[in-house]
Structures are given as structure tokens and as C-alpha cells.
Amino acid sequence: MSQHNQRPLTVACPQCRKKVAWSESNPYRPFCSERCKLIDLGAWADESHRIAGEPALDESNIDEWLARAERGDER
């Protein structure tokens, strides 16, 4: 079966759940529109969306940590 005869892959927009074809003709994929893409981006920017894991390293004490490492302090 040639690629031209196959139905395009359809996915749910991560924001509104509307079914959308996953194709090069959709510049916003996997989103259905620029609006949904921007809403999702905003959620990442205000930290509503997060990836679970270890908290980020607090770099405010980095100079102190480097000085301890150079002295060989274990604490």
C-alpha cells in the first residue's frame, strides 16, 4: 500500500483534545491551532506544567561548595 493511500495519523490536541491530523500541513502539531499551542506554552512558563523529578540545584551557594571541594571538606 503506498503512503498516499494511507489515512494520516490522527492525534488529540494536548490542550483541547480536538482530533487533529499529524501532518506537515499542520505547523502547530501536535496542537490544533496556534491558540492551543500558546496556552500550553503559557502553562509551562507559569510553572503550571512540570516534569516530575529532583528539584533544581540551588546555585546561590555554588562558590561556597567549590571552595569546600577545593579544601577537601566533605560537608
PDB file of N, CA and C in Angstrom:
ATOM      1  N   MET A   1       0.850  -1.171   0.000  1.00  0.00           N
ATOM      2  CA  MET A   1       0.000   0.000   0.000  1.00  0.00           C
ATOM      3  C   MET A   1       0.897   1.235   0.000  1.00  0.00           C
ATOM      4  N   SER A   2       0.673   2.177  -0.857  1.00  0.00           N
ATOM      5  CA  SER A   2       1.509   3.377  -0.933  1.00  0.00           C
ATOM      6  C   SER A   2       1.142   4.347   0.180  1.00  0.00           C
ATOM      7  N   GLN A   3       2.077   5.254   0.480  1.00  0.00           N
ATOM      8  CA  GLN A   3       1.837   6.231   1.536  1.00  0.00           C
ATOM      9  C   GLN A   3       0.668   7.153   1.201  1.00  0.00           C
ATOM     10  N   HIS A   4       0.438   7.415  -0.064  1.00  0.00           N
ATOM     11  CA  HIS A   4      -0.626   8.333  -0.462  1.00  0.00           C
ATOM     12  C   HIS A   4      -2.009   7.758  -0.200  1.00  0.00           C
ATOM     13  N   ASN A   5      -2.131   6.439  -0.117  1.00  0.00           N
ATOM     14  CA  ASN A   5      -3.422   5.801   0.117  1.00  0.00           C
ATOM     15  C   ASN A   5      -3.709   5.608   1.604  1.00  0.00           C
ATOM     16  N   GLN A   6      -2.730   5.820   2.452  1.00  0.00           N
ATOM     17  CA  GLN A   6      -2.922   5.634   3.886  1.00  0.00           C
ATOM     18  C   GLN A   6      -3.576   6.873   4.499  1.00  0.00           C
ATOM     19  N   ARG A   7      -4.411   6.621   5.486  1.00  0.00           N
ATOM     20  CA  ARG A   7      -5.016   7.743   6.212  1.00  0.00           C
ATOM     21  C   ARG A   7      -3.966   8.376   7.110  1.00  0.00           C
ATOM     22  N   PRO A   8      -3.983   9.685   7.257  1.00  0.00           N
ATOM     23  CA  PRO A   8      -2.995  10.323   8.131  1.00  0.00           C
ATOM     24  C   PRO A   8      -3.252   9.967   9.597  1.00  0.00           C
ATOM     25  N   LEU A   9      -2.197   9.956  10.366  1.00  0.00           N
ATOM     26  CA  LEU A   9      -2.298   9.707  11.791  1.00  0.00           C
ATOM     27  C   LEU A   9      -3.105  10.834  12.428  1.00  0.00           C
ATOM     28  N   THR A  10      -4.034  10.491  13.281  1.00  0.00           N
ATOM     29  CA  THR A  10      -4.853  11.482  13.977  1.00  0.00           C
ATOM     30  C   THR A  10      -4.532  11.408  15.456  1.00  0.00           C
ATOM     31  N   VAL A  11      -4.286  12.575  16.059  1.00  0.00           N
ATOM     32  CA  VAL A  11      -3.986  12.652  17.488  1.00  0.00           C
ATOM     33  C   VAL A  11      -4.928  13.662  18.143  1.00  0.00           C
ATOM     34  N   ALA A  12      -5.029  13.578  19.457  1.00  0.00           N
ATOM     35  CA  ALA A  12      -5.832  14.557  20.205  1.00  0.00           C
ATOM     36  C   ALA A  12      -4.942  15.738  20.575  1.00  0.00           C
ATOM     37  N   CYS A  13      -5.426  16.931  20.342  1.00  0.00           N
ATOM     38  CA  CYS A  13      -4.704  18.143  20.736  1.00  0.00           C
ATOM     39  C   CYS A  13      -4.472  18.062  22.248  1.00  0.00           C
ATOM     40  N   PRO A  14      -3.236  18.241  22.715  1.00  0.00           N
ATOM     41  CA  PRO A  14      -2.965  18.147  24.155  1.00  0.00           C
ATOM     42  C   PRO A  14      -3.722  19.180  24.989  1.00  0.00           C
ATOM     43  N   GLN A  15      -4.155  20.258  24.374  1.00  0.00           N
ATOM     44  CA  GLN A  15      -4.834  21.317  25.122  1.00  0.00           C
ATOM     45  C   GLN A  15      -6.352  21.128  25.143  1.00  0.00           C
ATOM     46  N   CYS A  16      -6.969  21.022  23.956  1.00  0.00           N
ATOM     47  CA  CYS A  16      -8.438  20.988  23.897  1.00  0.00           C
ATOM     48  C   CYS A  16      -9.003  19.605  23.561  1.00  0.00           C
ATOM     49  N   ARG A  17      -8.127  18.663  23.245  1.00  0.00           N
ATOM     50  CA  ARG A  17      -8.487  17.273  22.931  1.00  0.00           C
ATOM     51  C   ARG A  17      -9.184  17.103  21.582  1.00  0.00           C
ATOM     52  N   LYS A  18      -9.267  18.136  20.766  1.00  0.00           N
ATOM     53  CA  LYS A  18      -9.841  18.040  19.426  1.00  0.00           C
ATOM     54  C   LYS A  18      -8.950  17.128  18.578  1.00  0.00           C
ATOM     55  N   LYS A  19      -9.560  16.297  17.760  1.00  0.00           N
ATOM     56  CA  LYS A  19      -8.796  15.412  16.884  1.00  0.00           C
ATOM     57  C   LYS A  19      -8.151  16.235  15.778  1.00  0.00           C
ATOM     58  N   VAL A  20      -6.854  15.991  15.533  1.00  0.00           N
ATOM     59  CA  VAL A  20      -6.116  16.746  14.529  1.00  0.00           C
ATOM     60  C   VAL A  20      -5.185  15.794  13.776  1.00  0.00           C
ATOM     61  N   ALA A  21      -5.072  16.003  12.465  1.00  0.00           N
ATOM     62  CA  ALA A  21      -4.186  15.170  11.656  1.00  0.00           C
ATOM     63  C   ALA A  21      -2.736  15.539  11.934  1.00  0.00           C
ATOM     64  N   TRP A  22      -1.912  14.527  12.138  1.00  0.00           N
ATOM     65  CA  TRP A  22      -0.477  14.730  12.338  1.00  0.00           C
ATOM     66  C   TRP A  22       0.152  14.731  10.957  1.00  0.00           C
ATOM     67  N   SER A  23       0.339  15.927  10.416  1.00  0.00           N
ATOM     68  CA  SER A  23       0.902  16.023   9.077  1.00  0.00           C
ATOM     69  C   SER A  23       1.718  17.297   8.953  1.00  0.00           C
ATOM     70  N   GLU A  24       2.530  17.348   7.912  1.00  0.00           N
ATOM     71  CA  GLU A  24       3.366  18.525   7.671  1.00  0.00           C
ATOM     72  C   GLU A  24       2.527  19.762   7.360  1.00  0.00           C
ATOM     73  N   SER A  25       1.285  19.578   6.975  1.00  0.00           N
ATOM     74  CA  SER A  25       0.421  20.725   6.673  1.00  0.00           C
ATOM     75  C   SER A  25      -0.077  21.430   7.940  1.00  0.00           C
ATOM     76  N   ASN A  26       0.150  20.813   9.107  1.00  0.00           N
ATOM     77  CA  ASN A  26      -0.247  21.436  10.374  1.00  0.00           C
ATOM     78  C   ASN A  26       1.013  21.945  11.085  1.00  0.00           C
ATOM     79  N   PRO A  27       1.306  23.241  11.003  1.00  0.00           N
ATOM     80  CA  PRO A  27       2.524  23.768  11.614  1.00  0.00           C
ATOM     81  C   PRO A  27       2.474  23.790  13.143  1.00  0.00           C
ATOM     82  N   TYR A  28       1.306  23.536  13.731  1.00  0.00           N
ATOM     83  CA  TYR A  28       1.160  23.598  15.184  1.00  0.00           C
ATOM     84  C   TYR A  28       1.125  22.219  15.838  1.00  0.00           C
ATOM     85  N   ARG A  29       1.318  21.150  15.042  1.00  0.00           N
ATOM     86  CA  ARG A  29       1.210  19.808  15.603  1.00  0.00           C
ATOM     87  C   ARG A  29       2.122  19.640  16.802  1.00  0.00           C
ATOM     88  N   PRO A  30       1.724  18.999  17.848  1.00  0.00           N
ATOM     89  CA  PRO A  30       0.518  18.190  17.987  1.00  0.00           C
ATOM     90  C   PRO A  30      -0.726  18.999  18.363  1.00  0.00           C
ATOM     91  N   PHE A  31      -0.621  20.308  18.395  1.00  0.00           N
ATOM     92  CA  PHE A  31      -1.770  21.147  18.739  1.00  0.00           C
ATOM     93  C   PHE A  31      -2.635  21.383  17.502  1.00  0.00           C
ATOM     94  N   CYS A  32      -3.880  21.774  17.742  1.00  0.00           N
ATOM     95  CA  CYS A  32      -4.788  22.017  16.623  1.00  0.00           C
ATOM     96  C   CYS A  32      -4.654  23.428  16.076  1.00  0.00           C
ATOM     97  N   SER A  33      -4.119  24.347  16.891  1.00  0.00           N
ATOM     98  CA  SER A  33      -4.057  25.742  16.475  1.00  0.00           C
ATOM     99  C   SER A  33      -2.949  26.467  17.232  1.00  0.00           C
ATOM    100  N   GLU A  34      -2.649  27.669  16.765  1.00  0.00           N
ATOM    101  CA  GLU A  34      -1.662  28.500  17.458  1.00  0.00           C
ATOM    102  C   GLU A  34      -2.167  28.839  18.860  1.00  0.00           C
ATOM    103  N   ARG A  35      -3.460  29.058  18.990  1.00  0.00           N
ATOM    104  CA  ARG A  35      -4.047  29.394  20.290  1.00  0.00           C
ATOM    105  C   ARG A  35      -3.751  28.307  21.315  1.00  0.00           C
ATOM    106  N   CYS A  36      -4.031  27.053  20.974  1.00  0.00           N
ATOM    107  CA  CYS A  36      -3.780  25.951  21.902  1.00  0.00           C
ATOM    108  C   CYS A  36      -2.287  25.827  22.212  1.00  0.00           C
ATOM    109  N   LYS A  37      -1.459  26.030  21.209  1.00  0.00           N
ATOM    110  CA  LYS A  37      -0.006  25.964  21.412  1.00  0.00           C
ATOM    111  C   LYS A  37       0.449  27.033  22.403  1.00  0.00           C
ATOM    112  N   LEU A  38      -0.075  28.247  22.275  1.00  0.00           N
ATOM    113  CA  LEU A  38       0.314  29.344  23.162  1.00  0.00           C
ATOM    114  C   LEU A  38      -0.237  29.160  24.576  1.00  0.00           C
ATOM    115  N   ILE A  39      -1.424  28.610  24.701  1.00  0.00           N
ATOM    116  CA  ILE A  39      -1.973  28.319  26.028  1.00  0.00           C
ATOM    117  C   ILE A  39      -1.068  27.323  26.749  1.00  0.00           C
ATOM    118  N   ASP A  40      -0.639  26.282  26.033  1.00  0.00           N
ATOM    119  CA  ASP A  40       0.241  25.280  26.619  1.00  0.00           C
ATOM    120  C   ASP A  40       1.590  25.894  26.998  1.00  0.00           C
ATOM    121  N   LEU A  41       2.144  26.713  26.123  1.00  0.00           N
ATOM    122  CA  LEU A  41       3.411  27.379  26.414  1.00  0.00           C
ATOM    123  C   LEU A  41       3.293  28.244  27.666  1.00  0.00           C
ATOM    124  N   GLY A  42       2.183  28.959  27.789  1.00  0.00           N
ATOM    125  CA  GLY A  42       1.955  29.782  28.967  1.00  0.00           C
ATOM    126  C   GLY A  42       1.900  28.962  30.246  1.00  0.00           C
ATOM    127  N   ALA A  43       1.312  27.776  30.177  1.00  0.00           N
ATOM    128  CA  ALA A  43       1.247  26.903  31.355  1.00  0.00           C
ATOM    129  C   ALA A  43       2.642  26.454  31.787  1.00  0.00           C
ATOM    130  N   TRP A  44       3.523  26.189  30.818  1.00  0.00           N
ATOM    131  CA  TRP A  44       4.915  25.845  31.164  1.00  0.00           C
ATOM    132  C   TRP A  44       5.614  27.062  31.753  1.00  0.00           C
ATOM    133  N   ALA A  45       5.371  28.246  31.179  1.00  0.00           N
ATOM    134  CA  ALA A  45       6.045  29.465  31.632  1.00  0.00           C
ATOM    135  C   ALA A  45       5.664  29.835  33.063  1.00  0.00           C
ATOM    136  N   ASP A  46       4.387  29.637  33.431  1.00  0.00           N
ATOM    137  CA  ASP A  46       3.997  29.976  34.805  1.00  0.00           C
ATOM    138  C   ASP A  46       4.107  28.775  35.745  1.00  0.00           C
ATOM    139  N   GLU A  47       4.728  27.718  35.273  1.00  0.00           N
ATOM    140  CA  GLU A  47       5.034  26.503  36.033  1.00  0.00           C
ATOM    141  C   GLU A  47       3.794  25.724  36.465  1.00  0.00           C
ATOM    142  N   SER A  48       2.678  25.880  35.738  1.00  0.00           N
ATOM    143  CA  SER A  48       1.523  25.019  35.971  1.00  0.00           C
ATOM    144  C   SER A  48       1.836  23.602  35.496  1.00  0.00           C
ATOM    145  N   HIS A  49       2.602  23.481  34.420  1.00  0.00           N
ATOM    146  CA  HIS A  49       3.080  22.187  33.929  1.00  0.00           C
ATOM    147  C   HIS A  49       4.492  21.996  34.449  1.00  0.00           C
ATOM    148  N   ARG A  50       4.767  20.808  34.947  1.00  0.00           N
ATOM    149  CA  ARG A  50       6.099  20.493  35.447  1.00  0.00           C
ATOM    150  C   ARG A  50       6.431  19.058  35.107  1.00  0.00           C
ATOM    151  N   ILE A  51       7.710  18.793  35.009  1.00  0.00           N
ATOM    152  CA  ILE A  51       8.189  17.422  34.839  1.00  0.00           C
ATOM    153  C   ILE A  51       8.651  16.959  36.209  1.00  0.00           C
ATOM    154  N   ALA A  52       8.121  15.831  36.657  1.00  0.00           N
ATOM    155  CA  ALA A  52       8.464  15.316  37.981  1.00  0.00           C
ATOM    156  C   ALA A  52       9.943  14.957  38.038  1.00  0.00           C
ATOM    157  N   GLY A  53      10.518  15.154  39.197  1.00  0.00           N
ATOM    158  CA  GLY A  53      11.916  14.792  39.379  1.00  0.00           C
ATOM    159  C   GLY A  53      12.529  15.548  40.532  1.00  0.00           C
ATOM    160  N   GLU A  54      13.823  15.442  40.624  1.00  0.00           N
ATOM    161  CA  GLU A  54      14.562  16.129  41.676  1.00  0.00           C
ATOM    162  C   GLU A  54      14.424  17.635  41.505  1.00  0.00           C
ATOM    163  N   PRO A  55      14.382  18.376  42.614  1.00  0.00           N
ATOM    164  CA  PRO A  55      14.359  19.833  42.480  1.00  0.00           C
ATOM    165  C   PRO A  55      15.657  20.323  41.851  1.00  0.00           C
ATOM    166  N   ALA A  56      15.566  21.436  41.183  1.00  0.00           N
ATOM    167  CA  ALA A  56      16.749  22.008  40.538  1.00  0.00           C
ATOM    168  C   ALA A  56      17.774  22.402  41.592  1.00  0.00           C
ATOM    169  N   LEU A  57      19.023  22.328  41.228  1.00  0.00           N
ATOM    170  CA  LEU A  57      20.118  22.703  42.112  1.00  0.00           C
ATOM    171  C   LEU A  57      20.062  24.196  42.398  1.00  0.00           C
ATOM    172  N   ASP A  58      20.105  24.547  43.679  1.00  0.00           N
ATOM    173  CA  ASP A  58      20.144  25.954  44.073  1.00  0.00           C
ATOM    174  C   ASP A  58      21.580  26.433  43.932  1.00  0.00           C
ATOM    175  N   GLU A  59      21.816  27.285  42.968  1.00  0.00           N
ATOM    176  CA  GLU A  59      23.182  27.712  42.660  1.00  0.00           C
ATOM    177  C   GLU A  59      23.641  28.904  43.493  1.00  0.00           C
ATOM    178  N   SER A  60      22.822  29.348  44.457  1.00  0.00           N
ATOM    179  CA  SER A  60      23.206  30.519  45.241  1.00  0.00           C
ATOM    180  C   SER A  60      24.423  30.249  46.118  1.00  0.00           C
ATOM    181  N   ASN A  61      24.685  28.996  46.456  1.00  0.00           N
ATOM    182  CA  ASN A  61      25.827  28.640  47.308  1.00  0.00           C
ATOM    183  C   ASN A  61      26.964  27.999  46.523  1.00  0.00           C
ATOM    184  N   ILE A  62      26.980  28.138  45.229  1.00  0.00           N
ATOM    185  CA  ILE A  62      27.961  27.429  44.406  1.00  0.00           C
ATOM    186  C   ILE A  62      29.396  27.801  44.750  1.00  0.00           C
ATOM    187  N   ASP A  63      29.666  29.077  45.044  1.00  0.00           N
ATOM    188  CA  ASP A  63      31.029  29.484  45.394  1.00  0.00           C
ATOM    189  C   ASP A  63      31.490  28.802  46.678  1.00  0.00           C
ATOM    190  N   GLU A  64      30.595  28.703  47.636  1.00  0.00           N
ATOM    191  CA  GLU A  64      30.926  28.027  48.898  1.00  0.00           C
ATOM    192  C   GLU A  64      31.201  26.544  48.653  1.00  0.00           C
ATOM    193  N   TRP A  65      30.379  25.904  47.840  1.00  0.00           N
ATOM    194  CA  TRP A  65      30.582  24.487  47.541  1.00  0.00           C
ATOM    195  C   TRP A  65      31.897  24.250  46.829  1.00  0.00           C
ATOM    196  N   LEU A  66      32.240  25.117  45.887  1.00  0.00           N
ATOM    197  CA  LEU A  66      33.511  24.969  45.167  1.00  0.00           C
ATOM    198  C   LEU A  66      34.694  25.139  46.116  1.00  0.00           C
ATOM    199  N   ALA A  67      34.599  26.103  47.022  1.00  0.00           N
ATOM    200  CA  ALA A  67      35.677  26.316  47.991  1.00  0.00           C
ATOM    201  C   ALA A  67      35.835  25.088  48.884  1.00  0.00           C
ATOM    202  N   ARG A  68      34.735  24.499  49.333  1.00  0.00           N
ATOM    203  CA  ARG A  68      34.803  23.286  50.156  1.00  0.00           C
ATOM    204  C   ARG A  68      35.434  22.131  49.381  1.00  0.00           C
ATOM    205  N   ALA A  69      35.062  22.000  48.123  1.00  0.00           N
ATOM    206  CA  ALA A  69      35.594  20.909  47.302  1.00  0.00           C
ATOM    207  C   ALA A  69      37.108  21.086  47.127  1.00  0.00           C
ATOM    208  N   GLU A  70      37.557  22.300  46.927  1.00  0.00           N
ATOM    209  CA  GLU A  70      38.992  22.541  46.764  1.00  0.00           C
ATOM    210  C   GLU A  70      39.748  22.256  48.054  1.00  0.00           C
ATOM    211  N   ARG A  71      39.133  22.516  49.216  1.00  0.00           N
ATOM    212  CA  ARG A  71      39.771  22.239  50.511  1.00  0.00           C
ATOM    213  C   ARG A  71      39.655  20.766  50.869  1.00  0.00           C
ATOM    214  N   GLY A  72      38.776  20.045  50.227  1.00  0.00           N
ATOM    215  CA  GLY A  72      38.577  18.632  50.529  1.00  0.00           C
ATOM    216  C   GLY A  72      37.580  18.398  51.634  1.00  0.00           C
ATOM    217  N   ASP A  73      36.798  19.405  51.985  1.00  0.00           N
ATOM    218  CA  ASP A  73      35.756  19.248  53.002  1.00  0.00           C
ATOM    219  C   ASP A  73      34.671  18.340  52.455  1.00  0.00           C
ATOM    220  N   GLU A  74      34.208  17.419  53.297  1.00  0.00           N
ATOM    221  CA  GLU A  74      33.136  16.510  52.844  1.00  0.00           C
ATOM    222  C   GLU A  74      31.750  17.096  53.093  1.00  0.00           C
ATOM    223  N   ARG A  75      31.640  18.055  53.921  1.00  0.00           N
ATOM    224  CA  ARG A  75      30.358  18.637  54.260  1.00  0.00           C
ATOM    225  C   ARG A  75      29.927  19.678  53.307  1.00  0.00           C
TER     226      ARG A  75
END
